[in-house]
PDB file of N, CA and C in Angstrom:
ATOM      1  N   MET A   1      -9.863 -21.066 -13.736  1.00  0.00           N
ATOM      2  CA  MET A   1      -9.005 -22.346 -13.450  1.00  0.00           C
ATOM      3  C   MET A   1      -8.170 -22.100 -12.312  1.00  0.00           C
ATOM      4  N   THR A   2      -7.787 -23.663 -11.453  1.00  0.00           N
ATOM      5  CA  THR A   2      -6.982 -23.491 -10.281  1.00  0.00           C
ATOM      6  C   THR A   2      -6.165 -24.474 -10.116  1.00  0.00           C
ATOM      7  N   GLU A   3      -5.206 -24.059  -9.351  1.00  0.00           N
ATOM      8  CA  GLU A   3      -3.755 -24.850  -9.432  1.00  0.00           C
ATOM      9  C   GLU A   3      -3.840 -26.233  -9.391  1.00  0.00           C
ATOM     10  N   ALA A   4      -4.940 -26.760  -8.786  1.00  0.00           N
ATOM     11  CA  ALA A   4      -5.144 -28.264  -9.040  1.00  0.00           C
ATOM     12  C   ALA A   4      -5.665 -28.939 -10.371  1.00  0.00           C
ATOM     13  N   ALA A   5      -6.400 -27.567 -10.795  1.00  0.00           N
ATOM     14  CA  ALA A   5      -6.698 -28.618 -12.497  1.00  0.00           C
ATOM     15  C   ALA A   5      -5.784 -27.954 -13.393  1.00  0.00           C
ATOM     16  N   GLY A   6      -4.493 -28.292 -12.981  1.00  0.00           N
ATOM     17  CA  GLY A   6      -3.253 -28.315 -14.226  1.00  0.00           C
ATOM     18  C   GLY A   6      -2.807 -26.579 -14.009  1.00  0.00           C
ATOM     19  N   SER A   7      -2.692 -25.760 -14.029  1.00  0.00           N
ATOM     20  CA  SER A   7      -2.868 -24.478 -14.350  1.00  0.00           C
ATOM     21  C   SER A   7      -1.034 -24.282 -14.068  1.00  0.00           C
ATOM     22  N   LYS A   8      -0.651 -24.357 -14.661  1.00  0.00           N
ATOM     23  CA  LYS A   8       0.881 -24.118 -14.431  1.00  0.00           C
ATOM     24  C   LYS A   8       1.807 -22.599 -14.239  1.00  0.00           C
ATOM     25  N   ARG A   9       0.687 -21.958 -14.397  1.00  0.00           N
ATOM     26  CA  ARG A   9       0.809 -20.336 -14.176  1.00  0.00           C
ATOM     27  C   ARG A   9       1.551 -20.497 -12.252  1.00  0.00           C
ATOM     28  N   PRO A  10       2.738 -19.563 -12.071  1.00  0.00           N
ATOM     29  CA  PRO A  10       3.364 -19.295 -10.873  1.00  0.00           C
ATOM     30  C   PRO A  10       1.954 -18.619 -10.436  1.00  0.00           C
ATOM     31  N   ALA A  11       2.289 -18.433  -9.057  1.00  0.00           N
ATOM     32  CA  ALA A  11       1.201 -17.320  -7.866  1.00  0.00           C
ATOM     33  C   ALA A  11       2.035 -16.780  -8.029  1.00  0.00           C
ATOM     34  N   ARG A  12       1.023 -15.307  -8.176  1.00  0.00           N
ATOM     35  CA  ARG A  12       1.872 -14.001  -8.244  1.00  0.00           C
ATOM     36  C   ARG A  12       1.204 -12.869  -6.877  1.00  0.00           C
ATOM     37  N   GLY A  13       1.681 -12.070  -6.697  1.00  0.00           N
ATOM     38  CA  GLY A  13       1.313 -11.581  -5.580  1.00  0.00           C
ATOM     39  C   GLY A  13       1.702 -11.719  -4.288  1.00  0.00           C
ATOM     40  N   SER A  14       2.320 -10.871  -3.741  1.00  0.00           N
ATOM     41  CA  SER A  14       3.070 -10.582  -2.051  1.00  0.00           C
ATOM     42  C   SER A  14       1.703 -10.136  -1.347  1.00  0.00           C
ATOM     43  N   LEU A  15       1.035 -11.189  -0.668  1.00  0.00           N
ATOM     44  CA  LEU A  15       0.153 -10.842   0.303  1.00  0.00           C
ATOM     45  C   LEU A  15       0.788  -9.840   1.565  1.00  0.00           C
ATOM     46  N   ALA A  16       1.970 -10.180   1.918  1.00  0.00           N
ATOM     47  CA  ALA A  16       2.741  -9.241   2.816  1.00  0.00           C
ATOM     48  C   ALA A  16       2.938  -7.859   2.201  1.00  0.00           C
ATOM     49  N   LEU A  17       3.107  -7.494   1.199  1.00  0.00           N
ATOM     50  CA  LEU A  17       3.342  -6.233   0.282  1.00  0.00           C
ATOM     51  C   LEU A  17       1.746  -5.364   0.443  1.00  0.00           C
ATOM     52  N   TYR A  18       0.552  -6.504  -0.122  1.00  0.00           N
ATOM     53  CA  TYR A  18      -0.577  -5.716   0.186  1.00  0.00           C
ATOM     54  C   TYR A  18      -0.913  -4.995   1.436  1.00  0.00           C
ATOM     55  N   GLY A  19      -0.252  -5.734   2.802  1.00  0.00           N
ATOM     56  CA  GLY A  19      -0.954  -5.557   3.812  1.00  0.00           C
ATOM     57  C   GLY A  19      -0.027  -3.945   4.038  1.00  0.00           C
ATOM     58  N   VAL A  20       1.256  -3.921   3.617  1.00  0.00           N
ATOM     59  CA  VAL A  20       2.130  -3.047   3.707  1.00  0.00           C
ATOM     60  C   VAL A  20       1.334  -1.652   3.396  1.00  0.00           C
ATOM     61  N   ALA A  21       1.128  -1.985   1.861  1.00  0.00           N
ATOM     62  CA  ALA A  21       0.379  -0.797   1.133  1.00  0.00           C
ATOM     63  C   ALA A  21      -0.844  -0.414   2.002  1.00  0.00           C
ATOM     64  N   PHE A  22      -1.682  -1.237   2.581  1.00  0.00           N
ATOM     65  CA  PHE A  22      -2.510  -0.881   3.402  1.00  0.00           C
ATOM     66  C   PHE A  22      -2.744  -0.344   4.697  1.00  0.00           C
ATOM     67  N   ALA A  23      -1.416  -0.268   5.268  1.00  0.00           N
ATOM     68  CA  ALA A  23      -1.113   0.483   6.583  1.00  0.00           C
ATOM     69  C   ALA A  23      -0.759   1.419   6.217  1.00  0.00           C
ATOM     70  N   LEU A  24      -0.176   1.767   5.060  1.00  0.00           N
ATOM     71  CA  LEU A  24       0.678   2.858   4.235  1.00  0.00           C
ATOM     72  C   LEU A  24      -1.060   3.550   4.277  1.00  0.00           C
ATOM     73  N   ILE A  25      -1.556   3.545   3.806  1.00  0.00           N
ATOM     74  CA  ILE A  25      -2.695   4.317   3.209  1.00  0.00           C
ATOM     75  C   ILE A  25      -3.320   4.606   4.461  1.00  0.00           C
ATOM     76  N   LEU A  26      -3.529   3.904   5.506  1.00  0.00           N
ATOM     77  CA  LEU A  26      -4.481   3.885   6.771  1.00  0.00           C
ATOM     78  C   LEU A  26      -3.600   5.263   8.030  1.00  0.00           C
ATOM     79  N   VAL A  27      -2.253   5.039   7.760  1.00  0.00           N
ATOM     80  CA  VAL A  27      -1.182   6.102   8.275  1.00  0.00           C
ATOM     81  C   VAL A  27      -1.410   7.455   7.484  1.00  0.00           C
ATOM     82  N   ALA A  28      -1.301   7.417   6.319  1.00  0.00           N
ATOM     83  CA  ALA A  28      -1.313   8.523   4.980  1.00  0.00           C
ATOM     84  C   ALA A  28      -2.865   9.441   5.376  1.00  0.00           C
ATOM     85  N   GLY A  29      -4.118   8.385   5.683  1.00  0.00           N
ATOM     86  CA  GLY A  29      -5.452   9.033   5.810  1.00  0.00           C
ATOM     87  C   GLY A  29      -5.387   9.799   7.101  1.00  0.00           C
ATOM     88  N   GLY A  30      -4.675   9.060   8.234  1.00  0.00           N
ATOM     89  CA  GLY A  30      -4.401   9.796   9.500  1.00  0.00           C
ATOM     90  C   GLY A  30      -3.658  10.624   9.726  1.00  0.00           C
ATOM     91  N   THR A  31      -2.587  10.424   8.947  1.00  0.00           N
ATOM     92  CA  THR A  31      -2.086  11.981   8.918  1.00  0.00           C
ATOM     93  C   THR A  31      -2.912  12.913   8.262  1.00  0.00           C
ATOM     94  N   LEU A  32      -3.341  12.913   7.269  1.00  0.00           N
ATOM     95  CA  LEU A  32      -4.256  13.930   6.553  1.00  0.00           C
ATOM     96  C   LEU A  32      -5.610  14.406   7.359  1.00  0.00           C
ATOM     97  N   VAL A  33      -5.823  13.824   8.523  1.00  0.00           N
ATOM     98  CA  VAL A  33      -7.038  14.222   9.104  1.00  0.00           C
ATOM     99  C   VAL A  33      -6.497  14.880  10.407  1.00  0.00           C
ATOM    100  N   VAL A  34      -5.367  14.085  10.818  1.00  0.00           N
ATOM    101  CA  VAL A  34      -4.969  15.562  11.850  1.00  0.00           C
ATOM    102  C   VAL A  34      -4.505  16.489  11.765  1.00  0.00           C
ATOM    103  N   SER A  35      -4.002  16.841  10.283  1.00  0.00           N
ATOM    104  CA  SER A  35      -3.803  18.508   9.491  1.00  0.00           C
ATOM    105  C   SER A  35      -4.739  18.762   9.285  1.00  0.00           C
ATOM    106  N   ALA A  36      -5.867  18.220   9.056  1.00  0.00           N
ATOM    107  CA  ALA A  36      -6.939  18.965   8.601  1.00  0.00           C
ATOM    108  C   ALA A  36      -7.854  19.232  10.033  1.00  0.00           C
ATOM    109  N   ARG A  37      -7.181  18.583  11.444  1.00  0.00           N
ATOM    110  CA  ARG A  37      -8.256  19.421  12.421  1.00  0.00           C
ATOM    111  C   ARG A  37      -6.945  20.692  13.010  1.00  0.00           C
ATOM    112  N   GLY A  38      -6.303  20.221  12.291  1.00  0.00           N
ATOM    113  CA  GLY A  38      -4.934  21.812  12.442  1.00  0.00           C
ATOM    114  C   GLY A  38      -5.328  22.958  11.384  1.00  0.00           C
ATOM    115  N   PHE A  39      -6.726  22.861  10.904  1.00  0.00           N
ATOM    116  CA  PHE A  39      -6.807  23.577   9.907  1.00  0.00           C
ATOM    117  C   PHE A  39      -5.602  24.122   8.774  1.00  0.00           C
ATOM    118  N   LEU A  40      -4.717  22.828   8.539  1.00  0.00           N
ATOM    119  CA  LEU A  40      -3.386  22.888   7.516  1.00  0.00           C
ATOM    120  C   LEU A  40      -2.444  23.925   8.031  1.00  0.00           C
ATOM    121  N   GLY A  41      -2.268  23.972   9.301  1.00  0.00           N
ATOM    122  CA  GLY A  41      -1.594  25.371   9.783  1.00  0.00           C
ATOM    123  C   GLY A  41      -0.143  24.988   9.239  1.00  0.00           C
ATOM    124  N   SER A  42       0.184  23.474   9.149  1.00  0.00           N
ATOM    125  CA  SER A  42       1.299  23.211   8.676  1.00  0.00           C
ATOM    126  C   SER A  42       1.115  22.006   7.454  1.00  0.00           C
ATOM    127  N   THR A  43       2.606  22.574   6.477  1.00  0.00           N
ATOM    128  CA  THR A  43       2.409  21.686   5.369  1.00  0.00           C
ATOM    129  C   THR A  43       3.029  19.854   5.190  1.00  0.00           C
ATOM    130  N   GLY A  44       3.643  20.301   6.516  1.00  0.00           N
ATOM    131  CA  GLY A  44       4.880  19.048   7.112  1.00  0.00           C
ATOM    132  C   GLY A  44       3.780  17.942   7.060  1.00  0.00           C
ATOM    133  N   LEU A  45       2.519  18.125   7.735  1.00  0.00           N
ATOM    134  CA  LEU A  45       1.562  17.357   7.789  1.00  0.00           C
ATOM    135  C   LEU A  45       1.246  16.702   6.449  1.00  0.00           C
ATOM    136  N   LEU A  46       0.845  17.167   5.442  1.00  0.00           N
ATOM    137  CA  LEU A  46       0.764  16.866   4.593  1.00  0.00           C
ATOM    138  C   LEU A  46       1.270  16.560   3.431  1.00  0.00           C
ATOM    139  N   TRP A  47       2.764  17.175   3.553  1.00  0.00           N
ATOM    140  CA  TRP A  47       3.744  15.798   2.743  1.00  0.00           C
ATOM    141  C   TRP A  47       3.664  14.451   3.571  1.00  0.00           C
ATOM    142  N   ALA A  48       3.970  14.676   4.785  1.00  0.00           N
ATOM    143  CA  ALA A  48       3.955  13.077   5.464  1.00  0.00           C
ATOM    144  C   ALA A  48       2.904  12.441   4.623  1.00  0.00           C
ATOM    145  N   SER A  49       1.847  13.074   4.682  1.00  0.00           N
ATOM    146  CA  SER A  49       0.611  12.021   4.023  1.00  0.00           C
ATOM    147  C   SER A  49       0.875  11.761   2.767  1.00  0.00           C
ATOM    148  N   THR A  50       1.523  12.666   1.665  1.00  0.00           N
ATOM    149  CA  THR A  50       1.843  12.675   0.299  1.00  0.00           C
ATOM    150  C   THR A  50       2.289  11.729   0.184  1.00  0.00           C
ATOM    151  N   VAL A  51       3.771  11.161   1.401  1.00  0.00           N
ATOM    152  CA  VAL A  51       4.816  10.355   1.144  1.00  0.00           C
ATOM    153  C   VAL A  51       4.243   9.393   1.285  1.00  0.00           C
ATOM    154  N   CYS A  52       3.827   9.066   2.200  1.00  0.00           N
ATOM    155  CA  CYS A  52       2.342   7.591   2.896  1.00  0.00           C
ATOM    156  C   CYS A  52       1.864   7.396   1.817  1.00  0.00           C
ATOM    157  N   SER A  53       1.141   7.981   0.644  1.00  0.00           N
ATOM    158  CA  SER A  53       0.510   7.511  -0.208  1.00  0.00           C
ATOM    159  C   SER A  53       1.200   7.120  -1.346  1.00  0.00           C
ATOM    160  N   VAL A  54       2.131   7.825  -1.504  1.00  0.00           N
ATOM    161  CA  VAL A  54       3.541   7.747  -2.647  1.00  0.00           C
ATOM    162  C   VAL A  54       3.527   5.964  -2.292  1.00  0.00           C
ATOM    163  N   LEU A  55       4.359   6.092  -1.179  1.00  0.00           N
ATOM    164  CA  LEU A  55       4.807   4.460  -0.925  1.00  0.00           C
ATOM    165  C   LEU A  55       3.712   3.397  -0.970  1.00  0.00           C
ATOM    166  N   ALA A  56       2.676   4.082  -0.640  1.00  0.00           N
ATOM    167  CA  ALA A  56       1.430   2.579  -0.687  1.00  0.00           C
ATOM    168  C   ALA A  56       1.265   2.213  -1.579  1.00  0.00           C
ATOM    169  N   ILE A  57       1.316   3.011  -3.194  1.00  0.00           N
ATOM    170  CA  ILE A  57       0.818   3.054  -4.567  1.00  0.00           C
ATOM    171  C   ILE A  57       2.567   1.754  -4.985  1.00  0.00           C
ATOM    172  N   LEU A  58       3.430   2.632  -4.239  1.00  0.00           N
ATOM    173  CA  LEU A  58       4.741   2.055  -4.654  1.00  0.00           C
ATOM    174  C   LEU A  58       4.970   0.395  -3.775  1.00  0.00           C
ATOM    175  N   ALA A  59       4.299   0.030  -3.147  1.00  0.00           N
ATOM    176  CA  ALA A  59       4.253  -0.737  -2.483  1.00  0.00           C
ATOM    177  C   ALA A  59       2.972  -2.040  -3.020  1.00  0.00           C
ATOM    178  N   ALA A  60       1.700  -1.403  -3.576  1.00  0.00           N
ATOM    179  CA  ALA A  60       0.903  -2.373  -3.955  1.00  0.00           C
ATOM    180  C   ALA A  60       1.253  -2.677  -5.659  1.00  0.00           C
ATOM    181  N   VAL A  61       1.831  -1.457  -6.146  1.00  0.00           N
ATOM    182  CA  VAL A  61       2.512  -2.382  -7.244  1.00  0.00           C
ATOM    183  C   VAL A  61       3.673  -2.696  -7.580  1.00  0.00           C
ATOM    184  N   ALA A  62       4.521  -3.228  -6.428  1.00  0.00           N
ATOM    185  CA  ALA A  62       5.483  -4.225  -6.332  1.00  0.00           C
ATOM    186  C   ALA A  62       4.864  -5.476  -5.964  1.00  0.00           C
ATOM    187  N   GLY A  63       3.215  -5.684  -4.876  1.00  0.00           N
ATOM    188  CA  GLY A  63       3.297  -6.432  -4.448  1.00  0.00           C
ATOM    189  C   GLY A  63       2.731  -6.925  -5.999  1.00  0.00           C
ATOM    190  N   LEU A  64       2.122  -6.701  -7.033  1.00  0.00           N
ATOM    191  CA  LEU A  64       1.673  -7.503  -8.029  1.00  0.00           C
ATOM    192  C   LEU A  64       2.680  -8.050  -8.577  1.00  0.00           C
ATOM    193  N   TRP A  65       4.028  -7.683  -8.350  1.00  0.00           N
ATOM    194  CA  TRP A  65       5.198  -8.237  -9.208  1.00  0.00           C
ATOM    195  C   TRP A  65       5.707  -9.086  -8.631  1.00  0.00           C
ATOM    196  N   TRP A  66       5.943  -9.489  -7.171  1.00  0.00           N
ATOM    197  CA  TRP A  66       6.423  -9.511  -6.728  1.00  0.00           C
ATOM    198  C   TRP A  66       5.988 -11.573  -6.227  1.00  0.00           C
ATOM    199  N   PRO A  67       7.179 -12.265  -6.705  1.00  0.00           N
ATOM    200  CA  PRO A  67       5.993 -13.579  -6.556  1.00  0.00           C
ATOM    201  C   PRO A  67       5.659 -14.131  -5.201  1.00  0.00           C
ATOM    202  N   ARG A  68       4.563 -15.138  -5.164  1.00  0.00           N
ATOM    203  CA  ARG A  68       4.254 -14.755  -3.856  1.00  0.00           C
ATOM    204  C   ARG A  68       4.968 -16.180  -3.113  1.00  0.00           C
ATOM    205  N   ARG A  69       5.293 -16.517  -1.999  1.00  0.00           N
ATOM    206  CA  ARG A  69       6.005 -17.497  -1.423  1.00  0.00           C
ATOM    207  C   ARG A  69       4.981 -18.876  -1.375  1.00  0.00           C
ATOM    208  N   ARG A  70       5.042 -19.784  -1.621  1.00  0.00           N
ATOM    209  CA  ARG A  70       4.453 -21.186  -1.252  1.00  0.00           C
ATOM    210  C   ARG A  70       4.590 -21.470  -0.207  1.00  0.00           C
TER     211      ARG A  70
END
């Protein structure tokens, strides 16, 4: 059902937060690749990848609940 058909449900989901989550996943993947190319010599990049992944998950979940601007 679309809004034009008379749906009274508010639009949900922030596209900006989804974009942030996607960018964070790309950064997490990039740091993981850089860490792997260095044969996992340092755990700092692994931790950075983990933090970016967790932040991406949080941004995606927040994007589900944050109301969309009209």
